[in-house]
C-alpha atoms as a PDB file:
ATOM      1  CA  MET A   1      40.709 103.410-136.975  1.00  0.00           C
ATOM      2  CA  PRO A   2      38.772 100.159-137.592  1.00  0.00           C
ATOM      3  CA  PRO A   3      38.386  97.684-134.716  1.00  0.00           C
ATOM      4  CA  PRO A   4      40.813  94.739-134.685  1.00  0.00           C
ATOM      5  CA  ARG A   5      39.613  91.770-136.695  1.00  0.00           C
ATOM      6  CA  PRO A   6      39.077  88.492-134.869  1.00  0.00           C
ATOM      7  CA  HIS A   7      41.571  85.712-135.508  1.00  0.00           C
ATOM      8  CA  ARG A   8      40.487  83.799-138.623  1.00  0.00           C
ATOM      9  CA  ARG A   9      40.344  80.040-138.676  1.00  0.00           C
ATOM     10  CA  TYR A  10      41.298  78.492-141.981  1.00  0.00           C
ATOM     11  CA  ALA A  11      40.228  75.073-143.183  1.00  0.00           C
ATOM     12  CA  ARG A  12      43.879  74.053-143.588  1.00  0.00           C
ATOM     13  CA  THR A  13      44.674  74.928-139.975  1.00  0.00           C
ATOM     14  CA  LEU A  14      41.634  72.961-138.795  1.00  0.00           C
ATOM     15  CA  ARG A  15      42.783  69.918-140.796  1.00  0.00           C
ATOM     16  CA  VAL A  16      46.305  70.203-139.368  1.00  0.00           C
ATOM     17  CA  ASN A  17      44.820  70.449-135.851  1.00  0.00           C
ATOM     18  CA  GLU A  18      42.891  67.234-136.425  1.00  0.00           C
ATOM     19  CA  VAL A  19      45.830  65.295-137.890  1.00  0.00           C
ATOM     20  CA  VAL A  20      48.191  66.383-135.098  1.00  0.00           C
ATOM     21  CA  HIS A  21      45.513  65.456-132.541  1.00  0.00           C
ATOM     22  CA  GLU A  22      45.146  61.947-134.004  1.00  0.00           C
ATOM     23  CA  VAL A  23      48.888  61.263-134.166  1.00  0.00           C
ATOM     24  CA  LEU A  24      49.548  62.496-130.617  1.00  0.00           C
ATOM     25  CA  ALA A  25      46.561  60.624-129.168  1.00  0.00           C
ATOM     26  CA  ASP A  26      47.663  57.372-130.833  1.00  0.00           C
ATOM     27  CA  GLU A  27      51.251  57.775-129.684  1.00  0.00           C
ATOM     28  CA  LEU A  28      50.237  58.608-126.094  1.00  0.00           C
ATOM     29  CA  GLU A  29      48.354  55.308-125.958  1.00  0.00           C
ATOM     30  CA  ARG A  30      51.602  53.514-126.834  1.00  0.00           C
ATOM     31  CA  CYS A  31      53.762  55.341-124.268  1.00  0.00           C
ATOM     32  CA  SER A  32      55.118  53.148-121.512  1.00  0.00           C
ATOM     33  CA  ASP A  33      55.409  55.954-118.926  1.00  0.00           C
ATOM     34  CA  PRO A  34      53.031  55.051-116.053  1.00  0.00           C
ATOM     35  CA  ARG A  35      52.432  58.752-115.383  1.00  0.00           C
ATOM     36  CA  LEU A  36      50.708  58.979-118.770  1.00  0.00           C
ATOM     37  CA  THR A  37      48.126  56.250-118.208  1.00  0.00           C
ATOM     38  CA  MET A  38      44.614  57.658-118.431  1.00  0.00           C
ATOM     39  CA  VAL A  39      45.841  60.844-120.138  1.00  0.00           C
ATOM     40  CA  THR A  40      43.712  61.870-123.091  1.00  0.00           C
ATOM     41  CA  VAL A  41      44.427  64.474-125.753  1.00  0.00           C
ATOM     42  CA  THR A  42      41.237  66.530-125.922  1.00  0.00           C
ATOM     43  CA  GLY A  43      42.275  69.018-128.582  1.00  0.00           C
ATOM     44  CA  VAL A  44      45.099  70.685-130.470  1.00  0.00           C
ATOM     45  CA  GLU A  45      45.496  74.249-131.685  1.00  0.00           C
ATOM     46  CA  VAL A  46      48.301  74.760-134.170  1.00  0.00           C
ATOM     47  CA  SER A  47      49.421  78.344-134.730  1.00  0.00           C
ATOM     48  CA  PRO A  48      48.783  79.770-138.213  1.00  0.00           C
ATOM     49  CA  ASP A  49      52.523  79.674-138.997  1.00  0.00           C
ATOM     50  CA  LEU A  50      52.615  75.958-137.935  1.00  0.00           C
ATOM     51  CA  ARG A  51      55.555  76.551-135.582  1.00  0.00           C
ATOM     52  CA  HIS A  52      53.700  75.948-132.292  1.00  0.00           C
ATOM     53  CA  ALA A  53      50.958  73.579-131.203  1.00  0.00           C
ATOM     54  CA  THR A  54      49.051  73.847-127.948  1.00  0.00           C
ATOM     55  CA  VAL A  55      47.979  70.360-126.908  1.00  0.00           C
ATOM     56  CA  PHE A  56      45.040  70.248-124.505  1.00  0.00           C
ATOM     57  CA  TYR A  57      44.870  67.160-122.319  1.00  0.00           C
ATOM     58  CA  ALA A  58      42.812  65.634-119.532  1.00  0.00           C
ATOM     59  CA  ALA A  59      44.297  63.348-116.915  1.00  0.00           C
ATOM     60  CA  LEU A  60      41.242  61.399-115.880  1.00  0.00           C
ATOM     61  CA  GLY A  61      40.869  61.146-112.146  1.00  0.00           C
ATOM     62  CA  ARG A  62      43.813  63.360-111.256  1.00  0.00           C
ATOM     63  CA  GLN A  63      45.381  66.758-111.710  1.00  0.00           C
ATOM     64  CA  ASP A  64      49.017  66.832-110.798  1.00  0.00           C
ATOM     65  CA  ASP A  65      52.421  68.154-111.730  1.00  0.00           C
ATOM     66  CA  ALA A  66      53.684  64.637-112.475  1.00  0.00           C
ATOM     67  CA  THR A  67      51.428  64.404-115.524  1.00  0.00           C
ATOM     68  CA  ARG A  68      52.602  67.795-116.767  1.00  0.00           C
ATOM     69  CA  ALA A  69      56.243  66.782-116.230  1.00  0.00           C
ATOM     70  CA  ALA A  70      55.694  63.454-118.006  1.00  0.00           C
ATOM     71  CA  LEU A  71      54.185  65.197-121.022  1.00  0.00           C
ATOM     72  CA  ARG A  72      57.060  67.672-121.150  1.00  0.00           C
ATOM     73  CA  SER A  73      59.601  64.841-121.015  1.00  0.00           C
ATOM     74  CA  ALA A  74      57.704  62.915-123.712  1.00  0.00           C
ATOM     75  CA  ALA A  75      57.464  66.003-125.979  1.00  0.00           C
ATOM     76  CA  PRO A  76      60.647  65.292-128.001  1.00  0.00           C
ATOM     77  CA  HIS A  77      59.499  61.719-128.679  1.00  0.00           C
ATOM     78  CA  LEU A  78      55.965  62.862-129.565  1.00  0.00           C
ATOM     79  CA  ARG A  79      57.327  65.588-131.822  1.00  0.00           C
ATOM     80  CA  ALA A  80      59.642  63.138-133.607  1.00  0.00           C
ATOM     81  CA  ARG A  81      56.752  60.731-134.100  1.00  0.00           C
ATOM     82  CA  LEU A  82      54.658  63.578-135.471  1.00  0.00           C
ATOM     83  CA  GLY A  83      57.444  64.339-137.959  1.00  0.00           C
ATOM     84  CA  GLU A  84      57.412  60.716-139.127  1.00  0.00           C
ATOM     85  CA  GLU A  85      53.644  60.607-139.579  1.00  0.00           C
ATOM     86  CA  VAL A  86      52.786  64.047-140.966  1.00  0.00           C
ATOM     87  CA  ARG A  87      54.458  66.088-143.676  1.00  0.00           C
ATOM     88  CA  LEU A  88      54.451  69.744-142.695  1.00  0.00           C
ATOM     89  CA  LYS A  89      56.535  72.721-143.697  1.00  0.00           C
ATOM     90  CA  TYR A  90      57.476  73.196-140.023  1.00  0.00           C
ATOM     91  CA  LEU A  91      57.307  70.654-137.233  1.00  0.00           C
ATOM     92  CA  PRO A  92      55.458  72.450-134.430  1.00  0.00           C
ATOM     93  CA  LYS A  93      56.921  72.814-130.947  1.00  0.00           C
ATOM     94  CA  LEU A  94      54.496  71.178-128.511  1.00  0.00           C
ATOM     95  CA  HIS A  95      53.070  73.079-125.550  1.00  0.00           C
ATOM     96  CA  PHE A  96      50.829  71.187-123.111  1.00  0.00           C
ATOM     97  CA  ARG A  97      47.885  72.695-121.239  1.00  0.00           C
ATOM     98  CA  GLU A  98      45.330  70.993-119.080  1.00  0.00           C
ATOM     99  CA  ASP A  99      41.917  71.253-120.726  1.00  0.00           C
ATOM    100  CA  PRO A 100      39.799  73.647-118.647  1.00  0.00           C
ATOM    101  CA  ALA A 101      36.573  72.311-120.175  1.00  0.00           C
ATOM    102  CA  ILE A 102      36.876  69.036-118.237  1.00  0.00           C
ATOM    103  CA  GLU A 103      37.017  70.778-114.872  1.00  0.00           C
ATOM    104  CA  GLN A 104      34.231  73.172-115.855  1.00  0.00           C
ATOM    105  CA  GLY A 105      32.059  70.254-116.956  1.00  0.00           C
ATOM    106  CA  GLN A 106      32.619  68.485-113.644  1.00  0.00           C
ATOM    107  CA  ARG A 107      31.676  71.672-111.790  1.00  0.00           C
ATOM    108  CA  VAL A 108      28.442  71.997-113.810  1.00  0.00           C
ATOM    109  CA  GLU A 109      27.575  68.359-113.071  1.00  0.00           C
ATOM    110  CA  GLU A 110      28.189  68.975-109.378  1.00  0.00           C
ATOM    111  CA  ILE A 111      25.844  71.992-109.405  1.00  0.00           C
ATOM    112  CA  LEU A 112      23.143  70.060-111.282  1.00  0.00           C
ATOM    113  CA  ARG A 113      23.355  67.149-108.814  1.00  0.00           C
ATOM    114  CA  GLY A 114      23.017  69.635-105.944  1.00  0.00           C
ATOM    115  CA  LEU A 115      19.963  71.200-107.557  1.00  0.00           C
ATOM    116  CA  HIS A 116      18.448  67.776-108.185  1.00  0.00           C
ATOM    117  CA  ARG A 117      18.984  66.795-104.530  1.00  0.00           C
ATOM    118  CA  ALA A 118      17.451  70.092-103.406  1.00  0.00           C
ATOM    119  CA  ASP A 119      14.384  69.489-105.631  1.00  0.00           C
ATOM    120  CA  ARG A 120      13.874  66.009-104.208  1.00  0.00           C
ATOM    121  CA  GLY A 121      14.346  67.288-100.676  1.00  0.00           C
ATOM    122  CA  GLY A 122      11.932  70.202-101.251  1.00  0.00           C
ATOM    123  CA  GLY A 123       9.284  67.920-102.749  1.00  0.00           C
ATOM    124  CA  LYS A 124       9.156  65.712 -99.618  1.00  0.00           C
ATOM    125  CA  ASP A 125       8.404  68.633 -97.286  1.00  0.00           C
ATOM    126  CA  GLN A 126       5.398  69.782 -99.310  1.00  0.00           C
ATOM    127  CA  PRO A 127       2.054  67.912 -99.145  1.00  0.00           C
END
């Protein structure tokens, strides 16, 4: 039995990801909900059948349930706006996930700063 094939990424799906990303990012900027200030859409992955879209976001300076709740409550509005802006066979259901890359990047920066401090501290002790 052959090994399972990795999930293919088609150019059409990549274009849809980009268009959905742009529309949602623009609309989030216009939202009046104070819980959504400083929330950035970092990426979108639309399923191959176009029925679901995972929206990755970063809430700069905070990580809380209020942001998640605000995005969930704004989902119908965002989805309707998406339907007005983009012509698709199916209007994807929006699922929101905090972007793990932001937290990982902050952790890497923290480690690098620690190493840099250790190098400066080690250099002073040596003649």
